[in-house]
Amino acid sequence: MMTFIAVCAAGGLGALARSAAGTAIDSRTMGKFHYGIFVINVSGALVLGYITGLAGMRVGGGTERFDVATIVGTGFLGAFTTFSSEEWQTLATYKSGRWLAVRDVGMTLVVSMAAAGFGLWLGTQLT
């Protein structure tokens, strides 16, 4: 039950952090590309890969490490990185140029997956 409450609290903090970070980044980078959500998604993927590696999602990870990964990964990062924000901004971009929207989605997917893989590798090197 305590893990559930911690995931909920972490989710609230993640949503607040996303809003603050997105606003701060987008206010400095006006243009056709949505840097705020891009930076948020890539950094969130990196951190999620890292904590997954640290949690040792293999035999012998330990329940304490898994609880922290669940709280940070599902709670905070689940709210910090959000598919709905990405898609909302992609639809807004689609109105101004179909190929820009395709570029945004493709770039976010490729770079986020690379960041998650690097984070996972990094986290497993430290366990």
C-alpha atoms as a PDB file:
ATOM      1  CA  MET A   1       0.000   0.000   0.000  1.00  0.00           C
ATOM      2  CA  MET A   2       2.848   2.376   0.742  1.00  0.00           C
ATOM      3  CA  THR A   3       4.336   1.813  -2.705  1.00  0.00           C
ATOM      4  CA  PHE A   4       0.984   2.688  -4.268  1.00  0.00           C
ATOM      5  CA  ILE A   5       0.782   5.949  -2.308  1.00  0.00           C
ATOM      6  CA  ALA A   6       4.386   6.775  -3.185  1.00  0.00           C
ATOM      7  CA  VAL A   7       3.704   6.130  -6.902  1.00  0.00           C
ATOM      8  CA  CYS A   8       0.706   8.486  -6.750  1.00  0.00           C
ATOM      9  CA  ALA A   9       2.719  11.214  -5.013  1.00  0.00           C
ATOM     10  CA  ALA A  10       5.624  10.775  -7.429  1.00  0.00           C
ATOM     11  CA  GLY A  11       3.176  11.035 -10.338  1.00  0.00           C
ATOM     12  CA  GLY A  12       1.946  14.381  -9.070  1.00  0.00           C
ATOM     13  CA  LEU A  13       5.509  15.635  -8.789  1.00  0.00           C
ATOM     14  CA  GLY A  14       6.342  14.333 -12.265  1.00  0.00           C
ATOM     15  CA  ALA A  15       3.385  16.185 -13.792  1.00  0.00           C
ATOM     16  CA  LEU A  16       4.428  19.413 -12.066  1.00  0.00           C
ATOM     17  CA  ALA A  17       8.019  18.952 -13.213  1.00  0.00           C
ATOM     18  CA  ARG A  18       6.884  18.333 -16.817  1.00  0.00           C
ATOM     19  CA  SER A  19       4.799  21.477 -16.809  1.00  0.00           C
ATOM     20  CA  ALA A  20       7.589  23.607 -15.365  1.00  0.00           C
ATOM     21  CA  ALA A  21      10.324  22.170 -17.582  1.00  0.00           C
ATOM     22  CA  GLY A  22       8.205  22.312 -20.736  1.00  0.00           C
ATOM     23  CA  THR A  23       7.241  25.917 -20.119  1.00  0.00           C
ATOM     24  CA  ALA A  24      10.821  26.943 -19.343  1.00  0.00           C
ATOM     25  CA  ILE A  25      12.287  25.220 -22.411  1.00  0.00           C
ATOM     26  CA  ASP A  26       9.551  26.275 -24.849  1.00  0.00           C
ATOM     27  CA  SER A  27       9.727  29.915 -23.726  1.00  0.00           C
ATOM     28  CA  ARG A  28      13.375  29.981 -24.802  1.00  0.00           C
ATOM     29  CA  THR A  29      13.016  27.994 -28.021  1.00  0.00           C
ATOM     30  CA  MET A  30      10.096  29.341 -29.982  1.00  0.00           C
ATOM     31  CA  GLY A  31       9.718  27.750 -33.386  1.00  0.00           C
ATOM     32  CA  LYS A  32       8.178  24.888 -35.327  1.00  0.00           C
ATOM     33  CA  PHE A  33       9.840  22.131 -33.294  1.00  0.00           C
ATOM     34  CA  HIS A  34       8.635  21.427 -29.764  1.00  0.00           C
ATOM     35  CA  TYR A  35      11.912  21.265 -27.888  1.00  0.00           C
ATOM     36  CA  GLY A  36      10.295  21.158 -24.458  1.00  0.00           C
ATOM     37  CA  ILE A  37       8.471  17.859 -24.859  1.00  0.00           C
ATOM     38  CA  PHE A  38      11.390  16.456 -26.874  1.00  0.00           C
ATOM     39  CA  VAL A  39      13.897  17.199 -24.096  1.00  0.00           C
ATOM     40  CA  ILE A  40      11.456  15.904 -21.480  1.00  0.00           C
ATOM     41  CA  ASN A  41      10.821  12.633 -23.317  1.00  0.00           C
ATOM     42  CA  VAL A  42      14.483  11.986 -24.112  1.00  0.00           C
ATOM     43  CA  SER A  43      15.709  12.795 -20.604  1.00  0.00           C
ATOM     44  CA  GLY A  44      12.890  10.719 -19.087  1.00  0.00           C
ATOM     45  CA  ALA A  45      13.786   7.759 -21.314  1.00  0.00           C
ATOM     46  CA  LEU A  46      17.436   8.075 -20.284  1.00  0.00           C
ATOM     47  CA  VAL A  47      16.594   8.142 -16.574  1.00  0.00           C
ATOM     48  CA  LEU A  48      14.095   5.282 -16.918  1.00  0.00           C
ATOM     49  CA  GLY A  49      16.703   3.138 -18.651  1.00  0.00           C
ATOM     50  CA  TYR A  50      19.222   4.036 -15.955  1.00  0.00           C
ATOM     51  CA  ILE A  51      17.005   3.189 -12.989  1.00  0.00           C
ATOM     52  CA  THR A  52      15.878  -0.004 -14.708  1.00  0.00           C
ATOM     53  CA  GLY A  53      19.519  -1.006 -15.015  1.00  0.00           C
ATOM     54  CA  LEU A  54      20.192  -0.059 -11.416  1.00  0.00           C
ATOM     55  CA  ALA A  55      17.152  -1.957 -10.193  1.00  0.00           C
ATOM     56  CA  GLY A  56      18.632  -5.072 -11.723  1.00  0.00           C
ATOM     57  CA  MET A  57      15.607  -6.324 -13.615  1.00  0.00           C
ATOM     58  CA  ARG A  58      17.317  -9.669 -13.612  1.00  0.00           C
ATOM     59  CA  VAL A  59      17.529 -12.336 -10.912  1.00  0.00           C
ATOM     60  CA  GLY A  60      18.613 -10.957  -7.556  1.00  0.00           C
ATOM     61  CA  GLY A  61      17.503  -7.366  -8.005  1.00  0.00           C
ATOM     62  CA  GLY A  62      15.999  -7.148  -4.525  1.00  0.00           C
ATOM     63  CA  THR A  63      12.579  -5.782  -3.619  1.00  0.00           C
ATOM     64  CA  GLU A  64      13.862  -2.454  -2.255  1.00  0.00           C
ATOM     65  CA  ARG A  65      15.524  -1.615  -5.552  1.00  0.00           C
ATOM     66  CA  PHE A  66      12.398  -2.661  -7.446  1.00  0.00           C
ATOM     67  CA  ASP A  67      10.170  -0.445  -5.257  1.00  0.00           C
ATOM     68  CA  VAL A  68      12.338   2.600  -5.974  1.00  0.00           C
ATOM     69  CA  ALA A  69      12.289   1.789  -9.699  1.00  0.00           C
ATOM     70  CA  THR A  70       8.504   1.420  -9.566  1.00  0.00           C
ATOM     71  CA  ILE A  71       8.009   4.691  -7.698  1.00  0.00           C
ATOM     72  CA  VAL A  72      10.397   6.718  -9.852  1.00  0.00           C
ATOM     73  CA  GLY A  73       9.721   4.919 -13.146  1.00  0.00           C
ATOM     74  CA  THR A  74       5.973   4.454 -13.017  1.00  0.00           C
ATOM     75  CA  GLY A  75       5.116   7.410 -10.801  1.00  0.00           C
ATOM     76  CA  PHE A  76       7.443  10.294 -11.517  1.00  0.00           C
ATOM     77  CA  LEU A  77       8.652   9.441 -15.029  1.00  0.00           C
ATOM     78  CA  GLY A  78       5.263   8.122 -16.112  1.00  0.00           C
ATOM     79  CA  ALA A  79       3.811  11.557 -15.462  1.00  0.00           C
ATOM     80  CA  PHE A  80       6.925  13.483 -16.522  1.00  0.00           C
ATOM     81  CA  THR A  81       7.080  11.873 -19.965  1.00  0.00           C
ATOM     82  CA  THR A  82       3.683  11.559 -21.491  1.00  0.00           C
ATOM     83  CA  PHE A  83       2.495  10.257 -24.817  1.00  0.00           C
ATOM     84  CA  SER A  84      -0.557  12.513 -24.793  1.00  0.00           C
ATOM     85  CA  SER A  85       1.536  15.701 -24.640  1.00  0.00           C
ATOM     86  CA  GLU A  86       3.698  14.446 -27.490  1.00  0.00           C
ATOM     87  CA  GLU A  87       0.682  13.644 -29.631  1.00  0.00           C
ATOM     88  CA  TRP A  88      -1.097  16.913 -28.827  1.00  0.00           C
ATOM     89  CA  GLN A  89       1.933  18.855 -29.994  1.00  0.00           C
ATOM     90  CA  THR A  90       2.324  16.595 -33.037  1.00  0.00           C
ATOM     91  CA  LEU A  91      -1.259  17.372 -34.069  1.00  0.00           C
ATOM     92  CA  ALA A  92      -0.555  21.075 -33.674  1.00  0.00           C
ATOM     93  CA  THR A  93       2.539  20.680 -35.869  1.00  0.00           C
ATOM     94  CA  TYR A  94       0.560  18.676 -38.428  1.00  0.00           C
ATOM     95  CA  LYS A  95      -1.606  21.721 -39.073  1.00  0.00           C
ATOM     96  CA  SER A  96       1.429  23.705 -40.191  1.00  0.00           C
ATOM     97  CA  GLY A  97       3.176  20.961 -42.100  1.00  0.00           C
ATOM     98  CA  ARG A  98       2.531  17.250 -42.401  1.00  0.00           C
ATOM     99  CA  TRP A  99       6.194  16.353 -42.909  1.00  0.00           C
ATOM    100  CA  LEU A 100       7.228  18.388 -39.881  1.00  0.00           C
ATOM    101  CA  ALA A 101       4.952  16.223 -37.746  1.00  0.00           C
ATOM    102  CA  VAL A 102       6.446  13.032 -39.190  1.00  0.00           C
ATOM    103  CA  ARG A 103       9.934  14.365 -38.513  1.00  0.00           C
ATOM    104  CA  ASP A 104       9.045  15.243 -34.909  1.00  0.00           C
ATOM    105  CA  VAL A 105       7.582  11.821 -34.132  1.00  0.00           C
ATOM    106  CA  GLY A 106      10.416   9.952 -35.830  1.00  0.00           C
ATOM    107  CA  MET A 107      13.123  11.991 -34.176  1.00  0.00           C
ATOM    108  CA  THR A 108      11.553  11.684 -30.724  1.00  0.00           C
ATOM    109  CA  LEU A 109      11.136   7.918 -31.070  1.00  0.00           C
ATOM    110  CA  VAL A 110      14.645   7.228 -32.330  1.00  0.00           C
ATOM    111  CA  VAL A 111      16.447   9.526 -29.893  1.00  0.00           C
ATOM    112  CA  SER A 112      14.334   8.412 -26.904  1.00  0.00           C
ATOM    113  CA  MET A 113      14.977   4.732 -27.630  1.00  0.00           C
ATOM    114  CA  ALA A 114      18.701   5.407 -27.946  1.00  0.00           C
ATOM    115  CA  ALA A 115      18.658   7.349 -24.664  1.00  0.00           C
ATOM    116  CA  ALA A 116      16.770   4.526 -22.901  1.00  0.00           C
ATOM    117  CA  GLY A 117      19.243   1.969 -24.216  1.00  0.00           C
ATOM    118  CA  PHE A 118      22.200   4.070 -23.130  1.00  0.00           C
ATOM    119  CA  GLY A 119      20.645   4.627 -19.699  1.00  0.00           C
ATOM    120  CA  LEU A 120      20.009   0.885 -19.312  1.00  0.00           C
ATOM    121  CA  TRP A 121      23.579   0.109 -20.294  1.00  0.00           C
ATOM    122  CA  LEU A 122      24.911   2.744 -17.910  1.00  0.00           C
ATOM    123  CA  GLY A 123      22.746   1.491 -15.039  1.00  0.00           C
ATOM    124  CA  THR A 124      23.873  -2.103 -15.509  1.00  0.00           C
ATOM    125  CA  GLN A 125      27.521  -1.026 -15.475  1.00  0.00           C
ATOM    126  CA  LEU A 126      27.116   0.400 -11.994  1.00  0.00           C
ATOM    127  CA  THR A 127      25.394  -2.580 -10.360  1.00  0.00           C
END
